[in-house]
Amino acid sequence: MRRLISCGALVPGCAFIAHGTDGAQVVRQLTQHMSMIHGLEPLSRELQTKVHSCIETDAREAGAARHAGM
């Protein structure tokens, strides 16, 4: 199932959303974005913990899976 994380959950006002097939992939994308755009490198341990807590399942895919099961 696809995963996503919104940078706006960590940096208010940022519209970037990382998408991937697993949590590690979205964390890599978000870390690269935060480094390049927000100048946050390396991420503090506190921010790393928050990043992992903000990872979500892509609702569009979850909805499609529920619909396919009907």
PDB file of N, CA and C in Angstrom:
ATOM      1  N   MET A   1       0.834  -1.176   0.000  1.00  0.00           N
ATOM      2  CA  MET A   1       0.000   0.000   0.000  1.00  0.00           C
ATOM      3  C   MET A   1       0.887   1.250   0.000  1.00  0.00           C
ATOM      4  N   ARG A   2       0.543   2.230  -0.795  1.00  0.00           N
ATOM      5  CA  ARG A   2       1.335   3.458  -0.899  1.00  0.00           C
ATOM      6  C   ARG A   2       1.250   4.268   0.390  1.00  0.00           C
ATOM      7  N   ARG A   3       2.333   4.987   0.653  1.00  0.00           N
ATOM      8  CA  ARG A   3       2.427   5.815   1.856  1.00  0.00           C
ATOM      9  C   ARG A   3       2.685   7.252   1.430  1.00  0.00           C
ATOM     10  N   LEU A   4       2.392   8.194   2.318  1.00  0.00           N
ATOM     11  CA  LEU A   4       2.663   9.589   2.028  1.00  0.00           C
ATOM     12  C   LEU A   4       2.938  10.340   3.313  1.00  0.00           C
ATOM     13  N   ILE A   5       3.569  11.490   3.146  1.00  0.00           N
ATOM     14  CA  ILE A   5       3.789  12.394   4.258  1.00  0.00           C
ATOM     15  C   ILE A   5       3.772  13.810   3.699  1.00  0.00           C
ATOM     16  N   SER A   6       3.072  14.685   4.391  1.00  0.00           N
ATOM     17  CA  SER A   6       2.974  16.081   4.008  1.00  0.00           C
ATOM     18  C   SER A   6       3.990  16.895   4.796  1.00  0.00           C
ATOM     19  N   CYS A   7       4.805  17.649   4.104  1.00  0.00           N
ATOM     20  CA  CYS A   7       5.776  18.502   4.781  1.00  0.00           C
ATOM     21  C   CYS A   7       5.045  19.538   5.636  1.00  0.00           C
ATOM     22  N   GLY A   8       3.864  19.943   5.213  1.00  0.00           N
ATOM     23  CA  GLY A   8       3.076  20.925   5.965  1.00  0.00           C
ATOM     24  C   GLY A   8       2.745  20.482   7.379  1.00  0.00           C
ATOM     25  N   ALA A   9       2.781  19.182   7.644  1.00  0.00           N
ATOM     26  CA  ALA A   9       2.556  18.679   9.004  1.00  0.00           C
ATOM     27  C   ALA A   9       3.736  19.028   9.910  1.00  0.00           C
ATOM     28  N   LEU A  10       4.878  19.322   9.294  1.00  0.00           N
ATOM     29  CA  LEU A  10       6.097  19.639  10.031  1.00  0.00           C
ATOM     30  C   LEU A  10       6.510  21.095   9.868  1.00  0.00           C
ATOM     31  N   VAL A  11       6.305  21.620   8.675  1.00  0.00           N
ATOM     32  CA  VAL A  11       6.642  23.009   8.361  1.00  0.00           C
ATOM     33  C   VAL A  11       5.353  23.671   7.869  1.00  0.00           C
ATOM     34  N   PRO A  12       4.625  24.342   8.752  1.00  0.00           N
ATOM     35  CA  PRO A  12       3.339  24.939   8.370  1.00  0.00           C
ATOM     36  C   PRO A  12       3.454  25.808   7.115  1.00  0.00           C
ATOM     37  N   GLY A  13       2.503  25.588   6.208  1.00  0.00           N
ATOM     38  CA  GLY A  13       2.452  26.350   4.973  1.00  0.00           C
ATOM     39  C   GLY A  13       3.137  25.688   3.791  1.00  0.00           C
ATOM     40  N   CYS A  14       3.917  24.647   4.018  1.00  0.00           N
ATOM     41  CA  CYS A  14       4.597  23.965   2.918  1.00  0.00           C
ATOM     42  C   CYS A  14       3.634  22.950   2.294  1.00  0.00           C
ATOM     43  N   ALA A  15       3.514  22.992   0.981  1.00  0.00           N
ATOM     44  CA  ALA A  15       2.568  22.131   0.269  1.00  0.00           C
ATOM     45  C   ALA A  15       3.188  20.838  -0.257  1.00  0.00           C
ATOM     46  N   PHE A  16       4.492  20.611  -0.031  1.00  0.00           N
ATOM     47  CA  PHE A  16       5.161  19.420  -0.553  1.00  0.00           C
ATOM     48  C   PHE A  16       4.596  18.160   0.105  1.00  0.00           C
ATOM     49  N   ILE A  17       4.341  17.143  -0.722  1.00  0.00           N
ATOM     50  CA  ILE A  17       3.892  15.835  -0.232  1.00  0.00           C
ATOM     51  C   ILE A  17       4.772  14.767  -0.860  1.00  0.00           C
ATOM     52  N   ALA A  18       5.395  13.959  -0.024  1.00  0.00           N
ATOM     53  CA  ALA A  18       6.215  12.843  -0.496  1.00  0.00           C
ATOM     54  C   ALA A  18       5.330  11.604  -0.598  1.00  0.00           C
ATOM     55  N   HIS A  19       5.434  10.879  -1.713  1.00  0.00           N
ATOM     56  CA  HIS A  19       4.670   9.646  -1.948  1.00  0.00           C
ATOM     57  C   HIS A  19       5.659   8.509  -2.169  1.00  0.00           C
ATOM     58  N   GLY A  20       5.306   7.311  -1.746  1.00  0.00           N
ATOM     59  CA  GLY A  20       6.167   6.171  -1.988  1.00  0.00           C
ATOM     60  C   GLY A  20       5.487   4.872  -1.650  1.00  0.00           C
ATOM     61  N   THR A  21       6.206   3.784  -1.888  1.00  0.00           N
ATOM     62  CA  THR A  21       5.645   2.460  -1.641  1.00  0.00           C
ATOM     63  C   THR A  21       5.808   2.015  -0.197  1.00  0.00           C
ATOM     64  N   ASP A  22       6.691   2.701   0.543  1.00  0.00           N
ATOM     65  CA  ASP A  22       6.870   2.354   1.952  1.00  0.00           C
ATOM     66  C   ASP A  22       7.349   3.581   2.732  1.00  0.00           C
ATOM     67  N   GLY A  23       7.369   3.450   4.045  1.00  0.00           N
ATOM     68  CA  GLY A  23       7.757   4.556   4.905  1.00  0.00           C
ATOM     69  C   GLY A  23       9.166   5.044   4.662  1.00  0.00           C
ATOM     70  N   ALA A  24      10.090   4.139   4.421  1.00  0.00           N
ATOM     71  CA  ALA A  24      11.488   4.529   4.199  1.00  0.00           C
ATOM     72  C   ALA A  24      11.625   5.409   2.964  1.00  0.00           C
ATOM     73  N   GLN A  25      10.883   5.086   1.923  1.00  0.00           N
ATOM     74  CA  GLN A  25      10.958   5.864   0.687  1.00  0.00           C
ATOM     75  C   GLN A  25      10.428   7.284   0.899  1.00  0.00           C
ATOM     76  N   VAL A  26       9.311   7.440   1.596  1.00  0.00           N
ATOM     77  CA  VAL A  26       8.776   8.785   1.814  1.00  0.00           C
ATOM     78  C   VAL A  26       9.656   9.585   2.764  1.00  0.00           C
ATOM     79  N   VAL A  27      10.278   8.924   3.732  1.00  0.00           N
ATOM     80  CA  VAL A  27      11.199   9.624   4.638  1.00  0.00           C
ATOM     81  C   VAL A  27      12.408  10.140   3.859  1.00  0.00           C
ATOM     82  N   ARG A  28      12.944   9.334   2.947  1.00  0.00           N
ATOM     83  CA  ARG A  28      14.077   9.781   2.126  1.00  0.00           C
ATOM     84  C   ARG A  28      13.696  11.001   1.290  1.00  0.00           C
ATOM     85  N   GLN A  29      12.525  10.943   0.653  1.00  0.00           N
ATOM     86  CA  GLN A  29      12.070  12.069  -0.163  1.00  0.00           C
ATOM     87  C   GLN A  29      11.883  13.324   0.688  1.00  0.00           C
ATOM     88  N   LEU A  30      11.246  13.158   1.833  1.00  0.00           N
ATOM     89  CA  LEU A  30      10.982  14.309   2.699  1.00  0.00           C
ATOM     90  C   LEU A  30      12.282  14.878   3.254  1.00  0.00           C
ATOM     91  N   THR A  31      13.211  14.019   3.635  1.00  0.00           N
ATOM     92  CA  THR A  31      14.496  14.482   4.162  1.00  0.00           C
ATOM     93  C   THR A  31      15.243  15.285   3.100  1.00  0.00           C
ATOM     94  N   GLN A  32      15.241  14.803   1.866  1.00  0.00           N
ATOM     95  CA  GLN A  32      15.894  15.522   0.778  1.00  0.00           C
ATOM     96  C   GLN A  32      15.217  16.880   0.565  1.00  0.00           C
ATOM     97  N   HIS A  33      13.889  16.908   0.551  1.00  0.00           N
ATOM     98  CA  HIS A  33      13.138  18.146   0.389  1.00  0.00           C
ATOM     99  C   HIS A  33      13.457  19.129   1.523  1.00  0.00           C
ATOM    100  N   MET A  34      13.439  18.635   2.759  1.00  0.00           N
ATOM    101  CA  MET A  34      13.668  19.516   3.903  1.00  0.00           C
ATOM    102  C   MET A  34      15.080  20.088   3.885  1.00  0.00           C
ATOM    103  N   SER A  35      16.025  19.316   3.407  1.00  0.00           N
ATOM    104  CA  SER A  35      17.402  19.781   3.299  1.00  0.00           C
ATOM    105  C   SER A  35      17.526  20.864   2.221  1.00  0.00           C
ATOM    106  N   MET A  36      16.990  20.572   1.039  1.00  0.00           N
ATOM    107  CA  MET A  36      17.130  21.487  -0.096  1.00  0.00           C
ATOM    108  C   MET A  36      16.292  22.753   0.051  1.00  0.00           C
ATOM    109  N   ILE A  37      15.072  22.626   0.512  1.00  0.00           N
ATOM    110  CA  ILE A  37      14.145  23.752   0.528  1.00  0.00           C
ATOM    111  C   ILE A  37      14.166  24.509   1.859  1.00  0.00           C
ATOM    112  N   HIS A  38      14.232  23.772   2.960  1.00  0.00           N
ATOM    113  CA  HIS A  38      14.119  24.399   4.281  1.00  0.00           C
ATOM    114  C   HIS A  38      15.455  24.512   5.017  1.00  0.00           C
ATOM    115  N   GLY A  39      16.526  23.952   4.435  1.00  0.00           N
ATOM    116  CA  GLY A  39      17.845  24.045   5.053  1.00  0.00           C
ATOM    117  C   GLY A  39      17.985  23.251   6.338  1.00  0.00           C
ATOM    118  N   LEU A  40      17.172  22.231   6.514  1.00  0.00           N
ATOM    119  CA  LEU A  40      17.204  21.411   7.729  1.00  0.00           C
ATOM    120  C   LEU A  40      18.010  20.145   7.495  1.00  0.00           C
ATOM    121  N   GLU A  41      19.300  20.203   7.795  1.00  0.00           N
ATOM    122  CA  GLU A  41      20.154  19.032   7.621  1.00  0.00           C
ATOM    123  C   GLU A  41      21.270  19.087   8.641  1.00  0.00           C
ATOM    124  N   PRO A  42      21.552  18.096   9.364  1.00  0.00           N
ATOM    125  CA  PRO A  42      20.746  16.868   9.474  1.00  0.00           C
ATOM    126  C   PRO A  42      19.507  17.128  10.322  1.00  0.00           C
ATOM    127  N   LEU A  43      18.508  16.253  10.176  1.00  0.00           N
ATOM    128  CA  LEU A  43      17.297  16.383  10.977  1.00  0.00           C
ATOM    129  C   LEU A  43      17.596  15.965  12.410  1.00  0.00           C
ATOM    130  N   SER A  44      17.095  16.736  13.357  1.00  0.00           N
ATOM    131  CA  SER A  44      17.278  16.391  14.764  1.00  0.00           C
ATOM    132  C   SER A  44      16.534  15.082  15.065  1.00  0.00           C
ATOM    133  N   ARG A  45      16.919  14.434  16.136  1.00  0.00           N
ATOM    134  CA  ARG A  45      16.254  13.186  16.533  1.00  0.00           C
ATOM    135  C   ARG A  45      14.771  13.448  16.803  1.00  0.00           C
ATOM    136  N   GLU A  46      14.469  14.588  17.401  1.00  0.00           N
ATOM    137  CA  GLU A  46      13.071  14.943  17.680  1.00  0.00           C
ATOM    138  C   GLU A  46      12.276  15.088  16.382  1.00  0.00           C
ATOM    139  N   LEU A  47      12.860  15.748  15.388  1.00  0.00           N
ATOM    140  CA  LEU A  47      12.176  15.919  14.107  1.00  0.00           C
ATOM    141  C   LEU A  47      12.052  14.589  13.371  1.00  0.00           C
ATOM    142  N   GLN A  48      13.061  13.725  13.464  1.00  0.00           N
ATOM    143  CA  GLN A  48      12.981  12.402  12.846  1.00  0.00           C
ATOM    144  C   GLN A  48      11.811  11.613  13.428  1.00  0.00           C
ATOM    145  N   THR A  49      11.637  11.687  14.734  1.00  0.00           N
ATOM    146  CA  THR A  49      10.525  10.992  15.394  1.00  0.00           C
ATOM    147  C   THR A  49       9.194  11.542  14.896  1.00  0.00           C
ATOM    148  N   LYS A  50       9.106  12.864  14.789  1.00  0.00           N
ATOM    149  CA  LYS A  50       7.865  13.478  14.311  1.00  0.00           C
ATOM    150  C   LYS A  50       7.578  13.091  12.864  1.00  0.00           C
ATOM    151  N   VAL A  51       8.620  13.039  12.032  1.00  0.00           N
ATOM    152  CA  VAL A  51       8.457  12.644  10.626  1.00  0.00           C
ATOM    153  C   VAL A  51       7.812  11.262  10.559  1.00  0.00           C
ATOM    154  N   HIS A  52       8.347  10.321  11.295  1.00  0.00           N
ATOM    155  CA  HIS A  52       7.815   8.944  11.264  1.00  0.00           C
ATOM    156  C   HIS A  52       6.377   8.886  11.766  1.00  0.00           C
ATOM    157  N   SER A  53       6.016   9.740  12.708  1.00  0.00           N
ATOM    158  CA  SER A  53       4.647   9.727  13.238  1.00  0.00           C
ATOM    159  C   SER A  53       3.649  10.345  12.262  1.00  0.00           C
ATOM    160  N   CYS A  54       4.130  11.087  11.265  1.00  0.00           N
ATOM    161  CA  CYS A  54       3.251  11.762  10.304  1.00  0.00           C
ATOM    162  C   CYS A  54       3.015  10.964   9.024  1.00  0.00           C
ATOM    163  N   ILE A  55       3.653   9.821   8.877  1.00  0.00           N
ATOM    164  CA  ILE A  55       3.478   9.001   7.670  1.00  0.00           C
ATOM    165  C   ILE A  55       2.066   8.434   7.673  1.00  0.00           C
ATOM    166  N   GLU A  56       1.397   8.541   6.528  1.00  0.00           N
ATOM    167  CA  GLU A  56       0.021   8.064   6.391  1.00  0.00           C
ATOM    168  C   GLU A  56      -0.098   7.096   5.219  1.00  0.00           C
ATOM    169  N   THR A  57      -1.181   6.342   5.204  1.00  0.00           N
ATOM    170  CA  THR A  57      -1.526   5.521   4.050  1.00  0.00           C
ATOM    171  C   THR A  57      -2.239   6.421   3.060  1.00  0.00           C
ATOM    172  N   ASP A  58      -1.930   6.297   1.800  1.00  0.00           N
ATOM    173  CA  ASP A  58      -2.564   7.103   0.764  1.00  0.00           C
ATOM    174  C   ASP A  58      -4.055   6.775   0.744  1.00  0.00           C
ATOM    175  N   ALA A  59      -4.887   7.736   1.127  1.00  0.00           N
ATOM    176  CA  ALA A  59      -6.332   7.521   1.255  1.00  0.00           C
ATOM    177  C   ALA A  59      -6.980   7.142  -0.075  1.00  0.00           C
ATOM    178  N   ARG A  60      -6.455   7.667  -1.171  1.00  0.00           N
ATOM    179  CA  ARG A  60      -7.037   7.325  -2.481  1.00  0.00           C
ATOM    180  C   ARG A  60      -6.875   5.843  -2.762  1.00  0.00           C
ATOM    181  N   GLU A  61      -5.712   5.295  -2.425  1.00  0.00           N
ATOM    182  CA  GLU A  61      -5.467   3.867  -2.659  1.00  0.00           C
ATOM    183  C   GLU A  61      -6.297   3.023  -1.686  1.00  0.00           C
ATOM    184  N   ALA A  62      -6.389   3.451  -0.440  1.00  0.00           N
ATOM    185  CA  ALA A  62      -7.172   2.703   0.546  1.00  0.00           C
ATOM    186  C   ALA A  62      -8.646   2.675   0.129  1.00  0.00           C
ATOM    187  N   GLY A  63      -9.141   3.795  -0.367  1.00  0.00           N
ATOM    188  CA  GLY A  63     -10.526   3.854  -0.834  1.00  0.00           C
ATOM    189  C   GLY A  63     -10.775   2.955  -2.026  1.00  0.00           C
ATOM    190  N   ALA A  64      -9.825   2.903  -2.941  1.00  0.00           N
ATOM    191  CA  ALA A  64      -9.941   2.051  -4.119  1.00  0.00           C
ATOM    192  C   ALA A  64      -9.938   0.578  -3.711  1.00  0.00           C
ATOM    193  N   ALA A  65      -9.109   0.238  -2.718  1.00  0.00           N
ATOM    194  CA  ALA A  65      -9.052  -1.155  -2.252  1.00  0.00           C
ATOM    195  C   ALA A  65     -10.368  -1.548  -1.599  1.00  0.00           C
ATOM    196  N   ARG A  66     -10.960  -0.636  -0.840  1.00  0.00           N
ATOM    197  CA  ARG A  66     -12.254  -0.940  -0.207  1.00  0.00           C
ATOM    198  C   ARG A  66     -13.329  -1.102  -1.280  1.00  0.00           C
ATOM    199  N   HIS A  67     -13.292  -0.234  -2.297  1.00  0.00           N
ATOM    200  CA  HIS A  67     -14.288  -0.293  -3.364  1.00  0.00           C
ATOM    201  C   HIS A  67     -14.146  -1.586  -4.158  1.00  0.00           C
ATOM    202  N   ALA A  68     -12.937  -2.022  -4.413  1.00  0.00           N
ATOM    203  CA  ALA A  68     -12.700  -3.243  -5.184  1.00  0.00           C
ATOM    204  C   ALA A  68     -13.197  -4.477  -4.434  1.00  0.00           C
ATOM    205  N   GLY A  69     -13.226  -4.406  -3.109  1.00  0.00           N
ATOM    206  CA  GLY A  69     -13.672  -5.541  -2.307  1.00  0.00           C
ATOM    207  C   GLY A  69     -15.178  -5.672  -2.225  1.00  0.00           C
ATOM    208  N   MET A  70     -15.894  -4.694  -2.740  1.00  0.00           N
ATOM    209  CA  MET A  70     -17.360  -4.702  -2.659  1.00  0.00           C
ATOM    210  C   MET A  70     -17.966  -5.626  -3.654  1.00  0.00           C
TER     211      MET A  70
END
